[in-house]
Amino acid sequence: MSKTVSSILTVGIVVALWLIPTPDGLSLQAWHLFAIFMGTVTGFILQPIAAGSVALIAMVLAALTGTLKFSQVLGAFSGGTVWLIVSAFILARAFIITGLGKRIAYLVMRSFGNSSLKLVYSLAISDIIIGPAIPSNSARAGGLVFPIVASLCEAFESHPGETARRIGAFLVTSVFHIDLVVSAMFMTAMVGNPVAAAMAKKILDVDITWMDWFVAASVPGIVALVAIPYVLFKVYPPEIKKTPEARDMADNVLKEMGPMSRAEKIMLVVFVMLIGLWATAQYTKLDGTLIAFMGLCILLATNVLTWNHVIKETRAWDTLVWVGSVIALSDYLNKLGFISWFAKILENQMVGVGMLTAVVLSFVIYLYSHYFFASMSAHVTAMYGALITLGVAAGAPPFISAFVVALASNICGCLTHFGTGPAPVYFGAGYVDQKTWWQLGFLVSLMHIVIWLGVGGAWWKVLGYW
């Protein structure tokens, strides 16, 4: 789709909704804000211009039309959630530039990577270790892990084409899918997760802490990390089953890296401190964003990071603008009564539908609607707020309603070769054709439904969430 057509559609959505008579039960202000919100979502999906530009235009439009006060618009940049994401991006940069993430991956590989399946599990362990510190699956899977996968394929002389099935195709698909599971396991492992938590608080008044998220996702997440590579190993097996060379390669890389540098040691201490403080925040009462800033200050004070690193982390500042706008617009849609109005409509439609059915529906609808999205963050913006009210309308606990859809907002990237940042990287390596990629993605999606709703549902029952 051309930029011109995308622009016309984006603006057209705003104009069309703006001119439609205000539905009964809503104020004109709420309806106009909804028009601007839907135009913003459309812009995020079609991308006639950059997402940050779309967000900035939307906020200025809201102020110029009197839909929101300008002070309310500026409040988009004052929330703790957006600054948690900004600081996490910068912390992730430190994790990469110090080399600590790479060292962890090769240490685990040297210990466990003596077969093709164990090799994938070793990379999964590495991803779990570094996941809480890197809120971008693109940076983690694409920037940090993919070069290791590419090196392994080269070492085993597995290239796109005739030798793809030696080991390359299996590694590429398995590592891609396990990273999405890791994204779902930690609030700080994917940029959309804190956004979802913030929206859940504003819409359902549900507090989802870092530790709440991890505990609820841990058991089904571990099951998914074990089961998905194993099933792929059976249905899409590599020709090479034993990989002793991987250990030798890891050992050689670690020798080249030498002993841990001062920067790595400091980064390790800060990382452990952050995980410990996030995990105990309910007892210490420290704000999650403040904890992230504490870690960032230590790295700056010790010169592990410089201020130049901070100002050059463009993704962090881009995220500040578009995420801030999403949270602000969602917040005022709720305050102006739009969310409660929409929830009432859903509640009327859910008469006679059990809460379990409603929760399953919200998960499945969100999951498979991702066929139409090229960004998990844009998907959160477009559908998360609406779907979390579906379960509540049928009587499901608010935490479960919010958390189930938040999980789906991570694993939905499994379906296509364009649905999340790392997908074009792994698919573009050329080891797997598009038909196979989509077939395997659909198979994995069915596993996600069984694991997260089945195993996860039982685990949440044990935790007392039901």
Protein backbone atom coordinates (compact mmCIF):
# COMPACT_ATOMS: atom_id res chain seq x y z
CA MET A 1 0.00 0.00 0.00
CA SER A 2 1.40 3.43 -0.98
CA LYS A 3 2.08 6.15 1.56
CA THR A 4 -0.57 8.32 -0.10
CA VAL A 5 -3.29 5.69 0.25
CA SER A 6 -2.21 4.98 3.85
CA SER A 7 -2.42 8.69 4.65
CA ILE A 8 -5.89 9.03 3.10
CA LEU A 9 -7.19 6.02 5.04
CA THR A 10 -5.70 7.25 8.31
CA VAL A 11 -7.17 10.73 7.99
CA GLY A 12 -10.41 9.29 6.59
CA ILE A 13 -10.99 7.20 9.71
CA VAL A 14 -10.75 10.29 11.91
CA VAL A 15 -13.01 12.40 9.69
CA ALA A 16 -15.62 9.66 9.22
CA LEU A 17 -15.92 8.89 12.93
CA TRP A 18 -15.85 12.58 13.82
CA LEU A 19 -18.85 13.27 11.59
CA ILE A 20 -20.92 10.30 12.74
CA PRO A 21 -23.59 11.36 15.28
CA THR A 22 -22.52 10.69 18.85
CA PRO A 23 -23.94 7.35 20.08
CA ASP A 24 -26.40 7.41 22.96
CA GLY A 25 -24.70 7.30 26.34
CA LEU A 26 -21.51 9.08 25.21
CA SER A 27 -20.44 12.71 25.37
CA LEU A 28 -19.32 14.48 22.22
CA GLN A 29 -15.86 14.87 23.75
CA ALA A 30 -15.52 11.13 24.34
CA TRP A 31 -16.62 10.32 20.78
CA HIS A 32 -14.21 12.83 19.24
CA LEU A 33 -11.36 11.43 21.33
CA PHE A 34 -12.28 7.95 20.11
CA ALA A 35 -12.11 9.22 16.51
CA ILE A 36 -8.60 10.57 17.13
CA PHE A 37 -7.60 7.34 18.90
CA MET A 38 -8.78 5.15 16.03
CA GLY A 39 -6.97 7.38 13.55
CA THR A 40 -3.82 6.95 15.63
CA VAL A 41 -4.20 3.18 15.66
CA THR A 42 -4.79 3.14 11.90
CA GLY A 43 -1.67 5.24 11.43
CA PHE A 44 0.35 2.85 13.57
CA ILE A 45 -0.81 -0.08 11.44
CA LEU A 46 -0.55 1.47 7.96
CA GLN A 47 2.46 3.68 8.81
CA PRO A 48 2.05 6.52 6.30
CA ILE A 49 4.71 8.20 8.43
CA ALA A 50 6.70 7.06 11.47
CA ALA A 51 4.69 5.98 14.53
CA GLY A 52 6.17 8.78 16.64
CA SER A 53 5.05 11.36 14.06
CA VAL A 54 1.52 9.89 14.00
CA ALA A 55 1.38 10.05 17.80
CA LEU A 56 2.59 13.64 17.97
CA ILE A 57 0.06 14.77 15.34
CA ALA A 58 -2.74 12.98 17.22
CA MET A 59 -1.89 14.72 20.50
CA VAL A 60 -1.68 18.15 18.84
CA LEU A 61 -5.00 17.50 17.08
CA ALA A 62 -6.62 16.57 20.41
CA ALA A 63 -5.42 19.87 21.89
CA LEU A 64 -6.31 22.05 18.89
CA THR A 65 -9.87 20.71 18.71
CA GLY A 66 -10.40 21.19 22.43
CA THR A 67 -10.91 17.44 22.89
CA LEU A 68 -8.16 17.51 25.52
CA LYS A 69 -6.42 20.37 27.27
CA PHE A 70 -2.82 20.88 26.22
CA SER A 71 -1.70 20.21 29.80
CA GLN A 72 -3.44 16.83 29.58
CA VAL A 73 -1.63 16.12 26.31
CA LEU A 74 1.74 16.92 27.87
CA GLY A 75 0.88 14.59 30.73
CA ALA A 76 1.49 11.75 28.27
CA PHE A 77 5.21 12.13 28.93
CA SER A 78 5.05 12.13 32.71
CA GLY A 79 3.81 8.60 33.38
CA GLY A 80 6.07 6.05 35.04
CA THR A 81 5.33 3.37 32.46
CA VAL A 82 6.84 5.25 29.51
CA TRP A 83 9.96 6.07 31.48
CA LEU A 84 10.32 2.46 32.58
CA ILE A 85 10.39 1.50 28.91
CA VAL A 86 12.87 4.26 28.06
CA SER A 87 15.23 3.25 30.86
CA ALA A 88 14.91 -0.43 29.96
CA PHE A 89 15.96 0.28 26.37
CA ILE A 90 19.05 2.10 27.61
CA LEU A 91 19.85 -0.69 30.07
CA ALA A 92 19.55 -3.15 27.18
CA ARG A 93 22.12 -1.13 25.25
CA ALA A 94 24.52 -1.51 28.19
CA PHE A 95 23.88 -5.26 28.26
CA ILE A 96 24.89 -5.53 24.62
CA ILE A 97 27.84 -3.12 24.43
CA THR A 98 29.53 -4.64 27.50
CA GLY A 99 29.38 -8.07 25.87
CA LEU A 100 27.75 -9.65 28.92
CA GLY A 101 24.77 -10.96 26.94
CA LYS A 102 27.04 -12.61 24.38
CA ARG A 103 29.21 -14.15 27.11
CA ILE A 104 26.19 -15.64 28.88
CA ALA A 105 24.92 -17.19 25.63
CA TYR A 106 28.23 -18.85 24.83
CA LEU A 107 28.77 -20.03 28.42
CA VAL A 108 25.41 -21.80 28.38
CA MET A 109 26.06 -23.20 24.91
CA ARG A 110 29.41 -24.60 25.99
CA SER A 111 27.75 -26.35 28.91
CA PHE A 112 24.69 -27.85 27.19
CA GLY A 113 24.98 -27.61 23.43
CA ASN A 114 26.08 -31.13 22.42
CA SER A 115 22.96 -31.92 20.36
CA SER A 116 20.77 -29.87 18.04
CA LEU A 117 17.84 -29.97 20.48
CA LYS A 118 20.04 -29.13 23.48
CA LEU A 119 21.57 -26.35 21.43
CA VAL A 120 18.15 -24.72 21.12
CA TYR A 121 17.48 -25.27 24.81
CA SER A 122 20.82 -23.65 25.67
CA LEU A 123 19.86 -20.58 23.63
CA ALA A 124 16.48 -20.60 25.40
CA ILE A 125 18.25 -20.54 28.77
CA SER A 126 20.39 -17.64 27.57
CA ASP A 127 17.28 -15.79 26.42
CA ILE A 128 15.61 -16.33 29.79
CA ILE A 129 18.65 -14.93 31.60
CA ILE A 130 18.92 -11.79 29.49
CA GLY A 131 15.18 -11.38 28.80
CA PRO A 132 14.26 -9.26 31.86
CA ALA A 133 16.91 -6.68 30.93
CA ILE A 134 16.10 -6.26 27.23
CA PRO A 135 12.56 -5.00 26.49
CA SER A 136 12.86 -5.46 22.75
CA ASN A 137 12.58 -8.89 21.20
CA SER A 138 14.07 -7.33 18.07
CA ALA A 139 17.20 -6.31 19.97
CA ARG A 140 17.37 -9.57 21.88
CA ALA A 141 16.50 -12.16 19.23
CA GLY A 142 17.63 -10.14 16.22
CA GLY A 143 20.61 -8.23 17.51
CA LEU A 144 22.07 -10.54 20.14
CA VAL A 145 20.99 -14.14 19.48
CA PHE A 146 20.68 -14.22 15.68
CA PRO A 147 24.40 -13.67 15.03
CA ILE A 148 25.07 -16.72 17.21
CA VAL A 149 22.50 -18.76 15.26
CA ALA A 150 24.06 -17.64 11.98
CA SER A 151 27.52 -18.64 13.21
CA LEU A 152 26.24 -22.08 14.19
CA CYS A 153 24.67 -22.61 10.77
CA GLU A 154 27.95 -21.66 9.16
CA ALA A 155 29.92 -24.00 11.43
CA PHE A 156 27.74 -26.94 10.41
CA GLU A 157 27.82 -25.93 6.72
CA SER A 158 24.07 -25.46 6.66
CA HIS A 159 23.07 -22.76 4.19
CA PRO A 160 19.82 -21.63 2.55
CA GLY A 161 18.82 -24.06 -0.16
CA GLU A 162 19.91 -27.68 -0.37
CA THR A 163 21.64 -27.80 3.03
CA ALA A 164 19.04 -25.76 4.95
CA ARG A 165 17.61 -28.82 6.66
CA ARG A 166 20.99 -29.97 7.99
CA ILE A 167 20.40 -27.79 11.06
CA GLY A 168 19.79 -24.20 9.95
CA ALA A 169 16.04 -24.43 9.35
CA PHE A 170 15.47 -26.09 12.72
CA LEU A 171 17.60 -23.56 14.60
CA VAL A 172 16.02 -20.56 12.91
CA THR A 173 12.42 -21.62 13.55
CA SER A 174 12.97 -22.90 17.08
CA VAL A 175 14.99 -19.94 18.35
CA PHE A 176 12.48 -17.51 16.84
CA HIS A 177 9.54 -19.15 18.60
CA ILE A 178 11.23 -19.51 21.99
CA ASP A 179 12.05 -15.80 22.04
CA LEU A 180 8.33 -14.99 21.87
CA VAL A 181 7.76 -17.22 24.90
CA VAL A 182 10.49 -15.37 26.80
CA SER A 183 8.83 -12.09 25.81
CA ALA A 184 5.65 -13.34 27.48
CA MET A 185 7.40 -14.43 30.67
CA PHE A 186 8.68 -11.05 31.88
CA MET A 187 6.99 -7.67 32.03
CA THR A 188 10.24 -6.04 30.91
CA ALA A 189 10.97 -8.45 28.03
CA MET A 190 8.74 -6.79 25.40
CA VAL A 191 7.93 -3.12 24.99
CA GLY A 192 4.17 -3.74 24.84
CA ASN A 193 4.03 -5.49 28.23
CA PRO A 194 4.34 -2.41 30.47
CA VAL A 195 1.87 -0.67 28.15
CA ALA A 196 -0.61 -3.50 28.68
CA ALA A 197 -0.07 -3.37 32.45
CA ALA A 198 -0.68 0.37 32.47
CA MET A 199 -3.86 0.03 30.39
CA ALA A 200 -5.10 -2.76 32.68
CA LYS A 201 -4.66 -0.43 35.65
CA LYS A 202 -6.50 2.43 33.98
CA ILE A 203 -9.35 0.37 32.52
CA LEU A 204 -9.88 -2.42 35.07
CA ASP A 205 -8.04 -0.95 38.08
CA VAL A 206 -5.83 -4.05 38.15
CA ASP A 207 -2.28 -3.81 39.48
CA ILE A 208 0.12 -6.18 37.69
CA THR A 209 3.56 -5.95 39.25
CA TRP A 210 6.78 -7.30 37.74
CA MET A 211 6.69 -10.22 40.16
CA ASP A 212 2.97 -10.91 39.62
CA TRP A 213 3.63 -11.17 35.89
CA PHE A 214 6.63 -13.47 36.26
CA VAL A 215 5.00 -15.83 38.77
CA ALA A 216 1.81 -16.14 36.70
CA ALA A 217 3.75 -16.75 33.47
CA SER A 218 6.55 -18.92 34.85
CA VAL A 219 4.99 -22.39 34.80
CA PRO A 220 3.21 -22.24 31.43
CA GLY A 221 6.26 -20.38 30.06
CA ILE A 222 8.66 -23.13 31.08
CA VAL A 223 6.32 -25.77 29.64
CA ALA A 224 6.20 -23.84 26.36
CA LEU A 225 9.99 -23.47 26.26
CA VAL A 226 10.40 -27.23 26.66
CA ALA A 227 7.52 -28.37 24.46
CA ILE A 228 7.82 -26.12 21.40
CA PRO A 229 11.43 -26.99 20.42
CA TYR A 230 10.71 -30.68 21.09
CA VAL A 231 7.63 -30.72 18.85
CA LEU A 232 9.50 -28.83 16.11
CA PHE A 233 12.35 -31.35 16.48
CA LYS A 234 9.82 -34.11 15.75
CA VAL A 235 7.78 -32.50 12.95
CA TYR A 236 10.59 -30.49 11.33
CA PRO A 237 13.73 -32.42 12.33
CA PRO A 238 17.28 -31.38 11.50
CA GLU A 239 19.49 -33.86 9.70
CA ILE A 240 22.27 -33.28 12.23
CA LYS A 241 21.29 -34.53 15.66
CA LYS A 242 24.63 -34.36 17.51
CA THR A 243 26.53 -31.07 17.72
CA PRO A 244 29.81 -31.44 19.67
CA GLU A 245 31.31 -28.76 17.40
CA ALA A 246 29.02 -26.17 19.01
CA ARG A 247 30.77 -26.60 22.34
CA ASP A 248 34.16 -26.17 20.67
CA MET A 249 32.96 -23.03 18.89
CA ALA A 250 31.62 -21.57 22.13
CA ASP A 251 34.87 -22.37 23.91
CA ASN A 252 36.89 -20.63 21.19
CA VAL A 253 34.72 -17.52 21.30
CA LEU A 254 34.98 -17.34 25.09
CA LYS A 255 38.78 -17.65 24.88
CA GLU A 256 38.83 -14.80 22.38
CA MET A 257 36.69 -12.68 24.71
CA GLY A 258 39.06 -13.32 27.59
CA PRO A 259 38.18 -12.76 31.26
CA MET A 260 35.23 -10.60 32.25
CA SER A 261 35.93 -6.92 31.86
CA ARG A 262 35.26 -4.32 34.54
CA ALA A 263 32.22 -3.14 32.58
CA GLU A 264 30.80 -6.68 32.38
CA LYS A 265 31.22 -7.21 36.11
CA ILE A 266 29.46 -3.95 36.94
CA MET A 267 26.68 -4.77 34.45
CA LEU A 268 26.24 -8.19 36.07
CA VAL A 269 25.96 -6.68 39.55
CA VAL A 270 23.46 -4.08 38.34
CA PHE A 271 21.44 -6.73 36.51
CA VAL A 272 21.20 -8.95 39.61
CA MET A 273 20.29 -5.90 41.69
CA LEU A 274 17.50 -4.91 39.28
CA ILE A 275 15.97 -8.39 39.22
CA GLY A 276 16.14 -8.60 43.01
CA LEU A 277 14.53 -5.20 43.53
CA TRP A 278 11.82 -5.76 40.92
CA ALA A 279 11.02 -9.12 42.50
CA THR A 280 10.73 -7.66 46.00
CA ALA A 281 9.06 -4.35 45.09
CA GLN A 282 5.84 -5.36 46.84
CA TYR A 283 7.81 -5.46 50.10
CA THR A 284 10.22 -2.55 49.61
CA LYS A 285 7.50 -0.37 48.04
CA LEU A 286 10.04 0.90 45.53
CA ASP A 287 8.54 1.99 42.21
CA GLY A 288 9.56 -0.21 39.26
CA THR A 289 10.62 2.79 37.19
CA LEU A 290 12.67 4.20 40.07
CA ILE A 291 14.46 0.85 40.33
CA ALA A 292 15.33 0.96 36.62
CA PHE A 293 16.63 4.53 37.01
CA MET A 294 18.79 3.43 39.95
CA GLY A 295 20.47 0.85 37.73
CA LEU A 296 20.89 3.39 34.95
CA CYS A 297 22.51 5.90 37.32
CA ILE A 298 25.02 3.31 38.55
CA LEU A 299 26.01 2.49 34.97
CA LEU A 300 26.41 6.19 34.16
CA ALA A 301 28.37 6.94 37.35
CA THR A 302 30.79 4.08 36.64
CA ASN A 303 31.17 5.00 32.94
CA VAL A 304 29.81 1.66 31.78
CA LEU A 305 27.38 3.87 29.90
CA THR A 306 28.05 7.43 28.81
CA TRP A 307 25.49 10.17 28.32
CA ASN A 308 26.27 9.90 24.62
CA HIS A 309 24.95 6.32 24.70
CA VAL A 310 21.77 7.58 26.33
CA ILE A 311 20.99 10.31 23.82
CA LYS A 312 21.82 8.04 20.88
CA GLU A 313 19.35 5.33 21.96
CA THR A 314 16.81 6.55 19.42
CA ARG A 315 14.36 3.68 19.94
CA ALA A 316 13.93 4.72 23.56
CA TRP A 317 12.96 8.29 22.68
CA ASP A 318 10.76 7.18 19.80
CA THR A 319 8.97 4.85 22.22
CA LEU A 320 8.54 7.67 24.73
CA VAL A 321 6.45 9.61 22.21
CA TRP A 322 4.22 6.93 20.75
CA VAL A 323 3.72 4.89 23.92
CA GLY A 324 3.04 8.05 25.91
CA SER A 325 0.35 9.06 23.44
CA VAL A 326 -1.30 5.65 23.55
CA ILE A 327 -1.43 5.59 27.33
CA ALA A 328 -2.72 9.17 27.52
CA LEU A 329 -5.46 8.65 24.93
CA SER A 330 -6.52 5.37 26.57
CA ASP A 331 -6.53 7.01 29.98
CA TYR A 332 -8.82 9.85 28.90
CA LEU A 333 -11.08 7.52 26.93
CA ASN A 334 -11.61 5.77 30.24
CA LYS A 335 -12.07 9.00 32.22
CA LEU A 336 -14.56 10.32 29.67
CA GLY A 337 -16.68 7.18 29.99
CA PHE A 338 -15.97 5.54 26.63
CA ILE A 339 -14.51 2.33 28.08
CA SER A 340 -17.39 1.82 30.53
CA TRP A 341 -19.86 2.51 27.68
CA PHE A 342 -18.15 -0.05 25.46
CA ALA A 343 -17.89 -2.57 28.31
CA LYS A 344 -21.65 -2.27 28.85
CA ILE A 345 -22.24 -3.15 25.20
CA LEU A 346 -19.97 -6.18 25.56
CA GLU A 347 -21.69 -7.18 28.78
CA ASN A 348 -25.05 -7.20 26.99
CA GLN A 349 -23.58 -9.38 24.26
CA MET A 350 -22.05 -11.78 26.77
CA VAL A 351 -25.33 -12.74 28.45
CA GLY A 352 -25.33 -16.53 28.84
CA VAL A 353 -21.63 -16.86 27.98
CA GLY A 354 -19.53 -18.43 30.73
CA MET A 355 -16.45 -16.65 32.00
CA LEU A 356 -14.11 -19.43 30.84
CA THR A 357 -15.53 -19.20 27.33
CA ALA A 358 -15.12 -15.43 27.38
CA VAL A 359 -11.49 -15.65 28.51
CA VAL A 360 -10.70 -18.22 25.84
CA LEU A 361 -12.43 -16.07 23.22
CA SER A 362 -10.46 -12.98 24.21
CA PHE A 363 -7.18 -14.94 23.91
CA VAL A 364 -8.05 -16.59 20.59
CA ILE A 365 -9.49 -13.44 19.00
CA TYR A 366 -6.40 -11.45 19.92
CA LEU A 367 -4.04 -14.23 18.82
CA TYR A 368 -5.42 -14.79 15.32
CA SER A 369 -6.25 -11.17 14.60
CA HIS A 370 -2.47 -10.70 14.48
CA TYR A 371 -2.53 -12.03 10.92
CA PHE A 372 -3.49 -8.45 10.05
CA PHE A 373 -0.73 -6.73 12.04
CA ALA A 374 2.95 -6.16 11.34
CA SER A 375 3.73 -4.97 14.87
CA MET A 376 2.94 -6.41 18.27
CA SER A 377 3.03 -2.92 19.79
CA ALA A 378 0.47 -1.61 17.27
CA HIS A 379 -1.72 -4.62 18.05
CA VAL A 380 -1.65 -3.79 21.77
CA THR A 381 -2.69 -0.25 20.94
CA ALA A 382 -5.54 -1.33 18.70
CA MET A 383 -7.18 -4.20 20.58
CA TYR A 384 -5.88 -4.76 24.10
CA GLY A 385 -8.12 -2.23 25.87
CA ALA A 386 -11.29 -3.59 24.28
CA LEU A 387 -10.60 -7.30 24.69
CA ILE A 388 -9.65 -7.21 28.37
CA THR A 389 -13.22 -6.12 29.11
CA LEU A 390 -14.61 -9.22 27.38
CA GLY A 391 -13.78 -11.62 30.21
CA VAL A 392 -14.82 -9.17 32.92
CA ALA A 393 -18.18 -8.68 31.19
CA ALA A 394 -18.79 -12.43 31.56
CA GLY A 395 -17.72 -12.48 35.21
CA ALA A 396 -14.05 -13.46 34.96
CA PRO A 397 -11.60 -12.02 37.52
CA PRO A 398 -10.11 -8.74 36.24
CA PHE A 399 -6.50 -9.98 36.68
CA ILE A 400 -7.13 -13.05 34.52
CA SER A 401 -8.96 -11.01 31.88
CA ALA A 402 -6.09 -8.53 31.63
CA PHE A 403 -3.24 -11.04 31.89
CA VAL A 404 -4.51 -13.56 29.34
CA VAL A 405 -4.73 -10.93 26.62
CA ALA A 406 -1.34 -9.53 27.64
CA LEU A 407 0.16 -12.99 27.10
CA ALA A 408 -1.51 -13.24 23.69
CA SER A 409 0.05 -9.90 22.76
CA ASN A 410 3.46 -11.61 22.89
CA ILE A 411 2.95 -15.05 21.43
CA CYS A 412 0.77 -13.78 18.56
CA GLY A 413 3.98 -12.98 16.67
CA CYS A 414 4.42 -16.70 15.96
CA LEU A 415 1.97 -16.72 13.05
CA THR A 416 3.63 -14.90 10.16
CA HIS A 417 6.99 -13.83 8.78
CA PHE A 418 6.18 -10.15 9.34
CA GLY A 419 4.23 -10.03 12.62
CA THR A 420 7.05 -8.97 14.94
CA GLY A 421 10.48 -7.37 14.67
CA PRO A 422 12.65 -10.52 14.66
CA ALA A 423 10.42 -12.34 12.14
CA PRO A 424 11.82 -10.68 9.00
CA VAL A 425 15.34 -11.28 10.33
CA TYR A 426 14.90 -15.01 10.89
CA PHE A 427 12.68 -15.61 7.87
CA GLY A 428 14.92 -13.42 5.74
CA ALA A 429 17.86 -15.71 6.49
CA GLY A 430 16.36 -17.91 3.76
CA TYR A 431 16.28 -21.28 5.51
CA VAL A 432 12.49 -21.68 5.55
CA ASP A 433 10.00 -20.94 2.76
CA GLN A 434 6.92 -18.85 3.51
CA LYS A 435 4.41 -21.72 3.31
CA THR A 436 6.37 -23.78 5.82
CA TRP A 437 6.90 -20.76 8.09
CA TRP A 438 3.15 -20.11 8.24
CA GLN A 439 2.32 -23.81 8.72
CA LEU A 440 4.77 -24.17 11.59
CA GLY A 441 3.55 -20.86 13.04
CA PHE A 442 -0.04 -22.09 13.06
CA LEU A 443 1.01 -25.37 14.70
CA VAL A 444 2.88 -23.43 17.39
CA SER A 445 -0.16 -21.17 17.90
CA LEU A 446 -2.28 -24.24 18.71
CA MET A 447 0.34 -25.30 21.24
CA HIS A 448 0.20 -21.85 22.80
CA ILE A 449 -3.57 -22.12 23.24
CA VAL A 450 -3.24 -25.49 25.00
CA ILE A 451 -0.26 -24.48 27.14
CA TRP A 452 -1.19 -20.96 28.21
CA LEU A 453 -4.92 -21.57 28.71
CA GLY A 454 -4.65 -25.21 29.85
CA VAL A 455 -1.47 -25.42 31.92
CA GLY A 456 -1.63 -21.71 32.68
CA GLY A 457 -5.27 -21.90 33.75
CA ALA A 458 -4.50 -24.72 36.18
CA TRP A 459 -1.48 -22.83 37.54
CA TRP A 460 -3.54 -19.66 38.06
CA LYS A 461 -6.09 -21.76 39.93
CA VAL A 462 -3.32 -22.91 42.27
CA LEU A 463 -2.26 -19.28 42.73
CA GLY A 464 -5.83 -18.36 43.65
CA TYR A 465 -6.47 -16.02 40.70
CA TRP A 466 -9.67 -17.85 39.75
